[in-house]
Each structure stands twice: as C-alpha cells, then as structure tokens.
Amino acid sequence: MLITFSTILKTQWMFIPAVPFGAFVLYKILGKIKKTRLIIDKTKFKLPIFGAIINKSTVSRFSRTLATLTTSGVPILDALTNLKDATGNAAMAQAIQNIYDSIRGGESITKPLRASKICDEMVVNMVEVGEETGELDKMLTKVADNYDDEVDRAVEAMVSLIEPLMIVFLGGSVGFIVIAMFVPLIKLMQGIGGGD
C-alpha cells in the first residue's frame, strides 16, 4: 500500500493541485447559475458541523443589517430590497423576497420567515413579538447578538478540536509507515529462522 501510494504520488502528482482547483472553478461556475446557486446555498445549511455555523451567521447578518437599516429610518420595503443582495446566500435572499412580497401585500414578516425554515422557531417568535410591540429593531439586534455569541463559541470549539485531530492523523501516518517498513523485515527474519 505504501509503495503504491508513493508511486501514485510520483507519477500522478499533477492531479493533487488539479482536483481542488477544478472543484473550486466548478463551484464558482455553478454559483453563477441561479437555480444551482440556490440548491448549493440550501445544502450549506445541512452540512454537518459547518451547516449550523453558516445558518446562524447568515441569520445574524440578516437580523443585524435589517435592525440597523430600520433604526436609521429606512422604510422596511427599501431595507429589504437593499438587504437581499447583502446576505451572500441565495436561500436567504429568496426568503427576504418572500418577506418583501408578504409585507407589500399587507401581511406580517413572520409567516414567510417561518415558511423559509432558515430561522429557528425562537427567532421567528422574537420577530413576531417585535413586530407586534413596534420594537422589531431591538428584537432583531438581540437575535443578532445571541447568534454572534453562538457562532463564536462554535468556532472556538471547532478550532480546539483541530489540534488533537492533527496529532491523531500525524500519529496514524507515522505508525502506518513504521508498520509498512518493519512487517516485511519481521517476515524476512521469520523466514530465515524457519529455514535454519
């Protein structure tokens, strides 16, 4: 296995940088197509570990930006129009468009926000309370602060896991090489001993 892996690295080394580069280029191309970008951005929310962080950071960005715009006196419809391109996520942009259409039709923010399934029920409830009490900007700021703290804690926990994972990976790699070198020697010695 070690010799095969070494041979592949020597003869096919050009594929090592080509594969991630090709994947990156493909991702960028697909990201420019509206439908595929929406699918990619929705899939990001479902990724293990990273999905929750991406979701919370997206909701936090949406909440804080909308709170800032409404506090500054920008009309809610204008704020949503400006916010749609600022989220950096097509799924969130679609949800914002649905919220825009809902408000324009005389309905509330919470119904399309709940239907998008991007925000937790707690966030939707806080937005609903803020909308009813006329303190939407304050509730959105609380949501953003809460989610920012959660994202920071999740990132710190992930970073703290990297070091032990690297140690296990490096230890496993060194152990594999040592075993690959010594097993043939042991078999050879046993063969010589058996021959005597």
C-alpha atoms as a PDB file:
ATOM      1  CA  MET A   1       0.000   0.000   0.000  1.00  0.00           C
ATOM      2  CA  LEU A   2       2.812   2.382   0.906  1.00  0.00           C
ATOM      3  CA  ILE A   3       4.734   1.636  -2.316  1.00  0.00           C
ATOM      4  CA  THR A   4       1.554   2.008  -4.399  1.00  0.00           C
ATOM      5  CA  PHE A   5       0.735   5.317  -2.715  1.00  0.00           C
ATOM      6  CA  SER A   6       4.309   6.531  -3.264  1.00  0.00           C
ATOM      7  CA  THR A   7       4.188   5.514  -6.959  1.00  0.00           C
ATOM      8  CA  ILE A   8       0.888   7.335  -7.460  1.00  0.00           C
ATOM      9  CA  LEU A   9       2.334  10.490  -5.878  1.00  0.00           C
ATOM     10  CA  LYS A  10       5.385  10.314  -8.162  1.00  0.00           C
ATOM     11  CA  THR A  11       3.527   9.637 -11.401  1.00  0.00           C
ATOM     12  CA  GLN A  12       0.193  11.420 -10.835  1.00  0.00           C
ATOM     13  CA  TRP A  13       1.340  14.380  -8.720  1.00  0.00           C
ATOM     14  CA  MET A  14      -0.209  16.894 -11.145  1.00  0.00           C
ATOM     15  CA  PHE A  15      -3.723  15.731 -10.144  1.00  0.00           C
ATOM     16  CA  ILE A  16      -3.174  16.733  -6.500  1.00  0.00           C
ATOM     17  CA  PRO A  17      -3.463  20.509  -7.147  1.00  0.00           C
ATOM     18  CA  ALA A  18      -5.715  19.992 -10.206  1.00  0.00           C
ATOM     19  CA  VAL A  19      -8.578  18.291  -8.313  1.00  0.00           C
ATOM     20  CA  PRO A  20      -9.190  21.048  -5.674  1.00  0.00           C
ATOM     21  CA  PHE A  21      -8.624  23.764  -8.299  1.00  0.00           C
ATOM     22  CA  GLY A  22     -11.116  22.093 -10.645  1.00  0.00           C
ATOM     23  CA  ALA A  23     -13.641  21.702  -7.810  1.00  0.00           C
ATOM     24  CA  PHE A  24     -13.248  25.411  -6.939  1.00  0.00           C
ATOM     25  CA  VAL A  25     -13.743  26.502 -10.567  1.00  0.00           C
ATOM     26  CA  LEU A  26     -16.810  24.234 -10.910  1.00  0.00           C
ATOM     27  CA  TYR A  27     -18.244  25.669  -7.666  1.00  0.00           C
ATOM     28  CA  LYS A  28     -17.780  29.227  -8.978  1.00  0.00           C
ATOM     29  CA  ILE A  29     -19.394  28.387 -12.332  1.00  0.00           C
ATOM     30  CA  LEU A  30     -22.383  26.666 -10.707  1.00  0.00           C
ATOM     31  CA  GLY A  31     -22.665  29.574  -8.251  1.00  0.00           C
ATOM     32  CA  LYS A  32     -23.392  31.951 -11.137  1.00  0.00           C
ATOM     33  CA  ILE A  33     -26.428  29.920 -12.247  1.00  0.00           C
ATOM     34  CA  LYS A  34     -29.469  30.989 -10.235  1.00  0.00           C
ATOM     35  CA  LYS A  35     -31.071  27.567  -9.670  1.00  0.00           C
ATOM     36  CA  THR A  36     -27.876  25.715  -8.822  1.00  0.00           C
ATOM     37  CA  ARG A  37     -26.720  28.505  -6.504  1.00  0.00           C
ATOM     38  CA  LEU A  38     -30.000  28.234  -4.600  1.00  0.00           C
ATOM     39  CA  ILE A  39     -29.515  24.455  -4.257  1.00  0.00           C
ATOM     40  CA  ILE A  40     -25.872  24.918  -3.145  1.00  0.00           C
ATOM     41  CA  ASP A  41     -26.790  27.575  -0.557  1.00  0.00           C
ATOM     42  CA  LYS A  42     -29.636  25.451   0.827  1.00  0.00           C
ATOM     43  CA  THR A  43     -27.255  22.474   1.042  1.00  0.00           C
ATOM     44  CA  LYS A  44     -24.757  24.588   3.022  1.00  0.00           C
ATOM     45  CA  PHE A  45     -27.288  24.809   5.873  1.00  0.00           C
ATOM     46  CA  LYS A  46     -27.498  20.990   6.029  1.00  0.00           C
ATOM     47  CA  LEU A  47     -23.748  20.341   6.232  1.00  0.00           C
ATOM     48  CA  PRO A  48     -22.577  18.559   9.410  1.00  0.00           C
ATOM     49  CA  ILE A  49     -20.907  20.930  11.939  1.00  0.00           C
ATOM     50  CA  PHE A  50     -20.410  23.758   9.412  1.00  0.00           C
ATOM     51  CA  GLY A  51     -24.112  23.940   8.474  1.00  0.00           C
ATOM     52  CA  ALA A  52     -25.209  25.291  11.856  1.00  0.00           C
ATOM     53  CA  ILE A  53     -22.432  27.902  11.843  1.00  0.00           C
ATOM     54  CA  ILE A  54     -23.293  29.068   8.299  1.00  0.00           C
ATOM     55  CA  ASN A  55     -27.003  29.191   9.175  1.00  0.00           C
ATOM     56  CA  LYS A  56     -26.515  31.215  12.352  1.00  0.00           C
ATOM     57  CA  SER A  57     -24.037  33.639  10.791  1.00  0.00           C
ATOM     58  CA  THR A  58     -26.447  34.208   7.851  1.00  0.00           C
ATOM     59  CA  VAL A  59     -29.418  34.832  10.180  1.00  0.00           C
ATOM     60  CA  SER A  60     -27.236  37.095  12.341  1.00  0.00           C
ATOM     61  CA  ARG A  61     -26.163  39.147   9.302  1.00  0.00           C
ATOM     62  CA  PHE A  62     -29.782  39.418   8.157  1.00  0.00           C
ATOM     63  CA  SER A  63     -31.033  40.446  11.622  1.00  0.00           C
ATOM     64  CA  ARG A  64     -28.296  42.991  12.356  1.00  0.00           C
ATOM     65  CA  THR A  65     -28.426  44.638   8.923  1.00  0.00           C
ATOM     66  CA  LEU A  66     -32.228  44.889   8.966  1.00  0.00           C
ATOM     67  CA  ALA A  67     -32.136  46.275  12.520  1.00  0.00           C
ATOM     68  CA  THR A  68     -29.524  48.876  11.534  1.00  0.00           C
ATOM     69  CA  LEU A  69     -31.469  49.976   8.459  1.00  0.00           C
ATOM     70  CA  THR A  70     -34.831  50.251  10.251  1.00  0.00           C
ATOM     71  CA  THR A  71     -33.220  52.114  13.186  1.00  0.00           C
ATOM     72  CA  SER A  72     -31.725  54.585  10.694  1.00  0.00           C
ATOM     73  CA  GLY A  73     -35.239  55.370   9.434  1.00  0.00           C
ATOM     74  CA  VAL A  74     -35.096  53.397   6.177  1.00  0.00           C
ATOM     75  CA  PRO A  75     -38.593  52.148   5.195  1.00  0.00           C
ATOM     76  CA  ILE A  76     -38.941  48.395   5.715  1.00  0.00           C
ATOM     77  CA  LEU A  77     -39.524  47.633   1.996  1.00  0.00           C
ATOM     78  CA  ASP A  78     -36.453  49.628   0.952  1.00  0.00           C
ATOM     79  CA  ALA A  79     -34.436  47.983   3.719  1.00  0.00           C
ATOM     80  CA  LEU A  80     -35.446  44.505   2.496  1.00  0.00           C
ATOM     81  CA  THR A  81     -34.577  45.417  -1.101  1.00  0.00           C
ATOM     82  CA  ASN A  82     -31.092  46.531  -0.042  1.00  0.00           C
ATOM     83  CA  LEU A  83     -30.686  43.555   2.277  1.00  0.00           C
ATOM     84  CA  LYS A  84     -31.486  40.934  -0.360  1.00  0.00           C
ATOM     85  CA  ASP A  85     -28.076  41.250  -2.031  1.00  0.00           C
ATOM     86  CA  ALA A  86     -26.160  41.759   1.228  1.00  0.00           C
ATOM     87  CA  THR A  87     -26.797  38.353   2.815  1.00  0.00           C
ATOM     88  CA  GLY A  88     -24.485  36.439   0.472  1.00  0.00           C
ATOM     89  CA  ASN A  89     -26.855  33.451   0.465  1.00  0.00           C
ATOM     90  CA  ALA A  90     -29.411  32.733  -2.278  1.00  0.00           C
ATOM     91  CA  ALA A  91     -31.736  30.807   0.077  1.00  0.00           C
ATOM     92  CA  MET A  92     -31.821  33.752   2.493  1.00  0.00           C
ATOM     93  CA  ALA A  93     -32.288  36.178  -0.418  1.00  0.00           C
ATOM     94  CA  GLN A  94     -35.312  34.145  -1.561  1.00  0.00           C
ATOM     95  CA  ALA A  95     -36.749  34.262   1.975  1.00  0.00           C
ATOM     96  CA  ILE A  96     -36.237  38.052   2.053  1.00  0.00           C
ATOM     97  CA  GLN A  97     -38.059  38.365  -1.286  1.00  0.00           C
ATOM     98  CA  ASN A  98     -40.960  36.370   0.168  1.00  0.00           C
ATOM     99  CA  ILE A  99     -40.987  38.662   3.238  1.00  0.00           C
ATOM    100  CA  TYR A 100     -40.989  41.686   0.902  1.00  0.00           C
ATOM    101  CA  ASP A 101     -43.963  40.302  -1.046  1.00  0.00           C
ATOM    102  CA  SER A 102     -45.778  39.482   2.208  1.00  0.00           C
ATOM    103  CA  ILE A 103     -45.354  42.997   3.677  1.00  0.00           C
ATOM    104  CA  ARG A 104     -46.303  44.590   0.372  1.00  0.00           C
ATOM    105  CA  GLY A 105     -49.485  42.503   0.432  1.00  0.00           C
ATOM    106  CA  GLY A 106     -50.310  43.795   3.927  1.00  0.00           C
ATOM    107  CA  GLU A 107     -49.251  40.656   5.807  1.00  0.00           C
ATOM    108  CA  SER A 108     -46.632  40.070   8.505  1.00  0.00           C
ATOM    109  CA  ILE A 109     -42.924  39.203   8.370  1.00  0.00           C
ATOM    110  CA  THR A 110     -43.246  36.050  10.460  1.00  0.00           C
ATOM    111  CA  LYS A 111     -45.297  33.892   8.065  1.00  0.00           C
ATOM    112  CA  PRO A 112     -42.768  33.814   5.166  1.00  0.00           C
ATOM    113  CA  LEU A 113     -39.874  33.742   7.667  1.00  0.00           C
ATOM    114  CA  ARG A 114     -41.315  30.603   9.290  1.00  0.00           C
ATOM    115  CA  ALA A 115     -42.047  29.052   5.887  1.00  0.00           C
ATOM    116  CA  SER A 116     -38.416  29.516   4.779  1.00  0.00           C
ATOM    117  CA  LYS A 117     -37.266  27.157   7.592  1.00  0.00           C
ATOM    118  CA  ILE A 118     -33.961  29.044   7.748  1.00  0.00           C
ATOM    119  CA  CYS A 119     -34.617  30.624  11.139  1.00  0.00           C
ATOM    120  CA  ASP A 120     -35.292  28.727  14.360  1.00  0.00           C
ATOM    121  CA  GLU A 121     -38.763  28.968  15.903  1.00  0.00           C
ATOM    122  CA  MET A 122     -37.289  31.102  18.706  1.00  0.00           C
ATOM    123  CA  VAL A 123     -36.101  33.702  16.175  1.00  0.00           C
ATOM    124  CA  VAL A 124     -39.475  33.727  14.409  1.00  0.00           C
ATOM    125  CA  ASN A 125     -41.249  34.213  17.761  1.00  0.00           C
ATOM    126  CA  MET A 126     -38.931  37.070  18.733  1.00  0.00           C
ATOM    127  CA  VAL A 127     -39.525  38.773  15.382  1.00  0.00           C
ATOM    128  CA  GLU A 128     -43.284  38.293  15.842  1.00  0.00           C
ATOM    129  CA  VAL A 129     -43.157  39.886  19.313  1.00  0.00           C
ATOM    130  CA  GLY A 130     -41.029  42.748  17.962  1.00  0.00           C
ATOM    131  CA  GLU A 131     -43.460  43.313  15.120  1.00  0.00           C
ATOM    132  CA  GLU A 132     -46.459  43.375  17.459  1.00  0.00           C
ATOM    133  CA  THR A 133     -44.843  45.698  20.023  1.00  0.00           C
ATOM    134  CA  GLY A 134     -43.251  48.034  17.464  1.00  0.00           C
ATOM    135  CA  GLU A 135     -39.737  47.142  18.648  1.00  0.00           C
ATOM    136  CA  LEU A 136     -38.663  44.991  15.722  1.00  0.00           C
ATOM    137  CA  ASP A 137     -35.211  46.596  15.534  1.00  0.00           C
ATOM    138  CA  LYS A 138     -34.468  45.792  19.204  1.00  0.00           C
ATOM    139  CA  MET A 139     -35.575  42.170  18.820  1.00  0.00           C
ATOM    140  CA  LEU A 140     -33.513  41.752  15.662  1.00  0.00           C
ATOM    141  CA  THR A 141     -30.470  43.179  17.471  1.00  0.00           C
ATOM    142  CA  LYS A 142     -30.986  40.677  20.320  1.00  0.00           C
ATOM    143  CA  VAL A 143     -31.213  37.832  17.802  1.00  0.00           C
ATOM    144  CA  ALA A 144     -28.008  39.000  16.087  1.00  0.00           C
ATOM    145  CA  ASP A 145     -26.127  39.348  19.412  1.00  0.00           C
ATOM    146  CA  ASN A 146     -27.271  35.910  20.559  1.00  0.00           C
ATOM    147  CA  TYR A 147     -26.333  34.225  17.281  1.00  0.00           C
ATOM    148  CA  ASP A 148     -22.971  36.007  17.091  1.00  0.00           C
ATOM    149  CA  ASP A 149     -22.109  34.610  20.536  1.00  0.00           C
ATOM    150  CA  GLU A 150     -23.193  31.108  19.481  1.00  0.00           C
ATOM    151  CA  VAL A 151     -21.125  31.284  16.278  1.00  0.00           C
ATOM    152  CA  ASP A 152     -18.051  32.458  18.226  1.00  0.00           C
ATOM    153  CA  ARG A 153     -18.421  29.564  20.696  1.00  0.00           C
ATOM    154  CA  ALA A 154     -18.908  27.027  17.888  1.00  0.00           C
ATOM    155  CA  VAL A 155     -15.830  28.283  16.010  1.00  0.00           C
ATOM    156  CA  GLU A 156     -13.724  28.190  19.209  1.00  0.00           C
ATOM    157  CA  ALA A 157     -14.864  24.607  19.869  1.00  0.00           C
ATOM    158  CA  MET A 158     -14.006  23.626  16.286  1.00  0.00           C
ATOM    159  CA  VAL A 159     -10.542  25.218  16.485  1.00  0.00           C
ATOM    160  CA  SER A 160      -9.862  23.425  19.774  1.00  0.00           C
ATOM    161  CA  LEU A 161     -10.653  20.094  18.037  1.00  0.00           C
ATOM    162  CA  ILE A 162      -8.196  20.697  15.185  1.00  0.00           C
ATOM    163  CA  GLU A 163      -5.055  20.154  17.305  1.00  0.00           C
ATOM    164  CA  PRO A 164      -5.962  16.675  18.660  1.00  0.00           C
ATOM    165  CA  LEU A 165      -7.240  15.624  15.223  1.00  0.00           C
ATOM    166  CA  MET A 166      -3.942  16.687  13.639  1.00  0.00           C
ATOM    167  CA  ILE A 167      -1.997  14.744  16.291  1.00  0.00           C
ATOM    168  CA  VAL A 168      -4.084  11.604  15.641  1.00  0.00           C
ATOM    169  CA  PHE A 169      -3.665  11.999  11.859  1.00  0.00           C
ATOM    170  CA  LEU A 170       0.112  12.522  12.047  1.00  0.00           C
ATOM    171  CA  GLY A 171       0.486   9.697  14.581  1.00  0.00           C
ATOM    172  CA  GLY A 172      -1.522   7.369  12.355  1.00  0.00           C
ATOM    173  CA  SER A 173       0.553   8.328   9.283  1.00  0.00           C
ATOM    174  CA  VAL A 174       3.876   7.739  11.079  1.00  0.00           C
ATOM    175  CA  GLY A 175       2.568   4.477  12.569  1.00  0.00           C
ATOM    176  CA  PHE A 176       1.464   3.263   9.121  1.00  0.00           C
ATOM    177  CA  ILE A 177       4.911   3.999   7.635  1.00  0.00           C
ATOM    178  CA  VAL A 178       6.709   2.288  10.545  1.00  0.00           C
ATOM    179  CA  ILE A 179       4.499  -0.815  10.262  1.00  0.00           C
ATOM    180  CA  ALA A 180       4.963  -0.862   6.460  1.00  0.00           C
ATOM    181  CA  MET A 181       8.745  -0.828   6.950  1.00  0.00           C
ATOM    182  CA  PHE A 182       9.067  -3.344   9.802  1.00  0.00           C
ATOM    183  CA  VAL A 183       6.472  -6.012   8.869  1.00  0.00           C
ATOM    184  CA  PRO A 184       8.492  -7.179   5.795  1.00  0.00           C
ATOM    185  CA  LEU A 185      11.665  -7.256   7.938  1.00  0.00           C
ATOM    186  CA  ILE A 186       9.953  -9.366  10.594  1.00  0.00           C
ATOM    187  CA  LYS A 187       8.589 -11.751   7.947  1.00  0.00           C
ATOM    188  CA  LEU A 188      12.056 -11.976   6.380  1.00  0.00           C
ATOM    189  CA  MET A 189      13.650 -12.750   9.746  1.00  0.00           C
ATOM    190  CA  GLN A 190      10.988 -15.354  10.475  1.00  0.00           C
ATOM    191  CA  GLY A 191      11.624 -16.901   7.051  1.00  0.00           C
ATOM    192  CA  ILE A 192      15.365 -17.052   7.712  1.00  0.00           C
ATOM    193  CA  GLY A 193      14.750 -18.534  11.180  1.00  0.00           C
ATOM    194  CA  GLY A 194      12.352 -21.103   9.745  1.00  0.00           C
ATOM    195  CA  GLY A 195      14.878 -22.079   7.060  1.00  0.00           C
ATOM    196  CA  ASP A 196      17.552 -22.826   9.696  1.00  0.00           C
END
